[in-house]
Amino acid sequence: MIRPAQHRDLFEIKKFSHLVHASYVAHATHLPAPVIPDFSREIDQHHLYIARIHTLKGYIVCYPHLGTYHIDAIGVPDEHKSHDISRQLLLFAEKEALQNDCSRLALWNDAAMARHIEFYKSQGFHETARLNDHGHERVYFEM
C-alpha cells in the first residue's frame, strides 16, 4: 500500500497536493510553509512515499539524518482522515526509522493547523519548541 513515489506519479501527486491543501489556501492570510514540497527533488532523493488503495490516498516526505528520522510533510485529504491513512503513514515512518537506526522521529507543523497538532500529540509526539520562522509560527515535535 505504501511505496516509494516515482517520477511517473508526479502529475498525480501535485494535483493531489493541491486538493489536500485547498481548505488552508482558501482561509489563510499566508500559506503555512512549505505547503507544497518540491516533489521532483523529493523523488530523486528517495524521500517521497505514497499511500495508494486503488487511487492515491496520501503521501509522506521523510528521511534519516544524523540519527533522527525527519518527517517534512504528510498530505492526506480530510475525507481520508477517518480511514487512518495519516496513522498508517506515521507507522510507516516509524518502521523506516528503526530500519535506518534512528532513535527518534521529528516533525514540525504550522501553528495555524491546530487539529494537526492535536493529532500528532495523540500519536505519541511531544512538543519540543514553538518558533517563528520568517513569519511562520512553527510547532516542533519529537517521538
Protein backbone atom coordinates (compact mmCIF):
# COMPACT_ATOMS: atom_id res chain seq x y z
CA MET A 1 0.00 0.00 0.00
CA ILE A 2 2.80 2.49 0.81
CA ARG A 3 5.59 2.63 -1.73
CA PRO A 4 8.32 4.98 -2.95
CA ALA A 5 7.00 7.60 -5.35
CA GLN A 6 8.30 7.59 -8.90
CA HIS A 7 8.51 10.35 -11.48
CA ARG A 8 5.58 8.80 -13.34
CA ASP A 9 3.47 9.64 -10.23
CA LEU A 10 4.47 13.32 -10.24
CA PHE A 11 1.44 14.81 -12.01
CA GLU A 12 -1.00 12.90 -9.81
CA ILE A 13 0.90 13.83 -6.62
CA LYS A 14 0.96 17.54 -7.48
CA LYS A 15 -2.77 17.55 -8.27
CA PHE A 16 -3.44 15.61 -5.08
CA SER A 17 -1.35 18.02 -3.00
CA HIS A 18 -3.39 20.99 -4.19
CA LEU A 19 -6.55 19.12 -3.13
CA VAL A 20 -5.04 18.35 0.28
CA HIS A 21 -4.21 21.99 0.98
CA ALA A 22 -7.26 23.63 -0.63
CA SER A 23 -9.02 24.28 2.68
CA TYR A 24 -5.94 26.03 4.10
CA VAL A 25 -5.36 28.08 0.97
CA ALA A 26 -8.97 29.31 0.98
CA HIS A 27 -8.80 30.60 4.57
CA ALA A 28 -5.15 31.54 5.01
CA THR A 29 -3.77 35.04 5.17
CA HIS A 30 -0.46 33.40 4.31
CA LEU A 31 0.26 29.81 3.40
CA PRO A 32 1.75 27.51 6.01
CA ALA A 33 5.27 26.94 4.75
CA PRO A 34 6.07 24.77 2.95
CA VAL A 35 2.60 23.89 1.74
CA ILE A 36 3.79 22.12 -1.37
CA PRO A 37 7.21 20.41 -1.36
CA ASP A 38 9.43 20.13 -4.43
CA PHE A 39 8.12 16.67 -5.25
CA SER A 40 10.52 16.03 -8.12
CA ARG A 41 13.51 16.67 -5.85
CA GLU A 42 12.00 14.53 -3.09
CA ILE A 43 11.54 11.64 -5.55
CA ASP A 44 15.16 11.99 -6.72
CA GLN A 45 16.34 11.89 -3.10
CA HIS A 46 14.10 8.88 -2.29
CA HIS A 47 12.24 10.85 0.39
CA LEU A 48 8.70 10.72 -1.01
CA TYR A 49 6.36 7.79 -0.40
CA ILE A 50 2.74 7.42 -1.44
CA ALA A 51 -0.20 5.52 0.05
CA ARG A 52 -2.41 4.01 -2.58
CA ILE A 53 -5.63 2.00 -2.34
CA HIS A 54 -6.78 1.92 -5.97
CA THR A 55 -6.12 5.68 -6.09
CA LEU A 56 -3.71 8.00 -4.30
CA LYS A 57 -4.79 8.43 -0.66
CA GLY A 58 -1.80 10.21 0.88
CA TYR A 59 1.90 10.96 0.81
CA ILE A 60 4.77 11.44 3.22
CA VAL A 61 8.14 13.12 2.76
CA CYS A 62 10.61 11.58 5.22
CA TYR A 63 14.28 10.68 5.56
CA PRO A 64 17.00 9.77 8.08
CA HIS A 65 19.60 12.35 9.13
CA LEU A 66 22.11 12.08 11.97
CA GLY A 67 20.15 9.53 13.97
CA THR A 68 16.79 11.27 13.60
CA TYR A 69 14.08 10.33 11.14
CA HIS A 70 12.61 13.59 9.82
CA ILE A 71 9.06 13.92 8.55
CA ASP A 72 8.90 17.01 6.35
CA ALA A 73 5.35 16.66 5.01
CA ILE A 74 2.27 14.49 5.26
CA GLY A 75 -0.56 15.02 2.81
CA VAL A 76 -3.94 13.39 3.36
CA PRO A 77 -7.28 14.96 2.35
CA ASP A 78 -9.80 15.44 5.15
CA GLU A 79 -12.13 12.76 3.78
CA HIS A 80 -9.40 10.12 4.24
CA LYS A 81 -8.58 11.00 7.85
CA SER A 82 -11.24 8.60 9.11
CA HIS A 83 -9.57 5.80 7.15
CA ASP A 84 -6.41 6.14 9.24
CA ILE A 85 -4.19 6.93 6.27
CA SER A 86 -2.33 9.52 8.36
CA ARG A 87 -1.72 6.93 11.07
CA GLN A 88 -0.53 4.39 8.51
CA LEU A 89 1.93 6.91 7.07
CA LEU A 90 3.28 7.68 10.55
CA LEU A 91 3.62 3.96 11.30
CA PHE A 92 5.50 3.61 8.02
CA ALA A 93 7.87 6.39 9.13
CA GLU A 94 8.38 4.67 12.49
CA LYS A 95 9.34 1.41 10.77
CA GLU A 96 11.68 3.25 8.40
CA ALA A 97 13.27 5.00 11.38
CA LEU A 98 14.00 1.65 13.02
CA GLN A 99 15.42 0.22 9.79
CA ASN A 100 17.69 3.27 9.50
CA ASP A 101 18.89 3.04 13.12
CA CYS A 102 17.21 6.32 14.04
CA SER A 103 16.40 6.76 17.72
CA ARG A 104 13.68 9.37 17.24
CA LEU A 105 11.22 10.90 14.80
CA ALA A 106 10.96 14.66 14.33
CA LEU A 107 8.49 16.90 12.53
CA TRP A 108 7.13 20.41 12.64
CA ASN A 109 3.70 21.80 11.97
CA ASP A 110 2.38 25.27 11.29
CA ALA A 111 0.77 26.58 14.49
CA ALA A 112 -2.32 27.61 12.50
CA MET A 113 -3.08 23.93 11.83
CA ALA A 114 -4.37 23.26 15.35
CA ARG A 115 -6.14 19.98 14.58
CA HIS A 116 -2.91 18.54 13.19
CA ILE A 117 -1.09 19.49 16.38
CA GLU A 118 -3.65 17.55 18.42
CA PHE A 119 -3.40 14.60 16.03
CA TYR A 120 0.40 14.39 16.40
CA LYS A 121 0.09 14.56 20.18
CA SER A 122 -2.48 11.74 20.08
CA GLN A 123 0.02 9.65 18.13
CA GLY A 124 2.72 9.94 20.80
CA PHE A 125 4.64 13.00 19.62
CA HIS A 126 5.57 15.61 22.22
CA GLU A 127 6.06 19.28 21.58
CA THR A 128 9.68 20.42 21.84
CA ALA A 129 9.52 24.06 20.72
CA ARG A 130 7.47 26.86 19.19
CA LEU A 131 9.44 29.20 16.97
CA ASN A 132 8.78 31.96 14.47
CA ASP A 133 10.49 31.22 11.16
CA HIS A 134 10.19 34.05 8.63
CA GLY A 135 6.70 34.97 9.80
CA HIS A 136 5.51 31.37 10.21
CA GLU A 137 4.74 30.13 13.70
CA ARG A 138 6.01 26.56 13.83
CA VAL A 139 5.46 23.86 16.41
CA TYR A 140 8.23 21.24 16.62
CA PHE A 141 7.61 17.67 17.75
CA GLU A 142 9.60 14.55 18.53
CA MET A 143 8.80 10.96 19.34
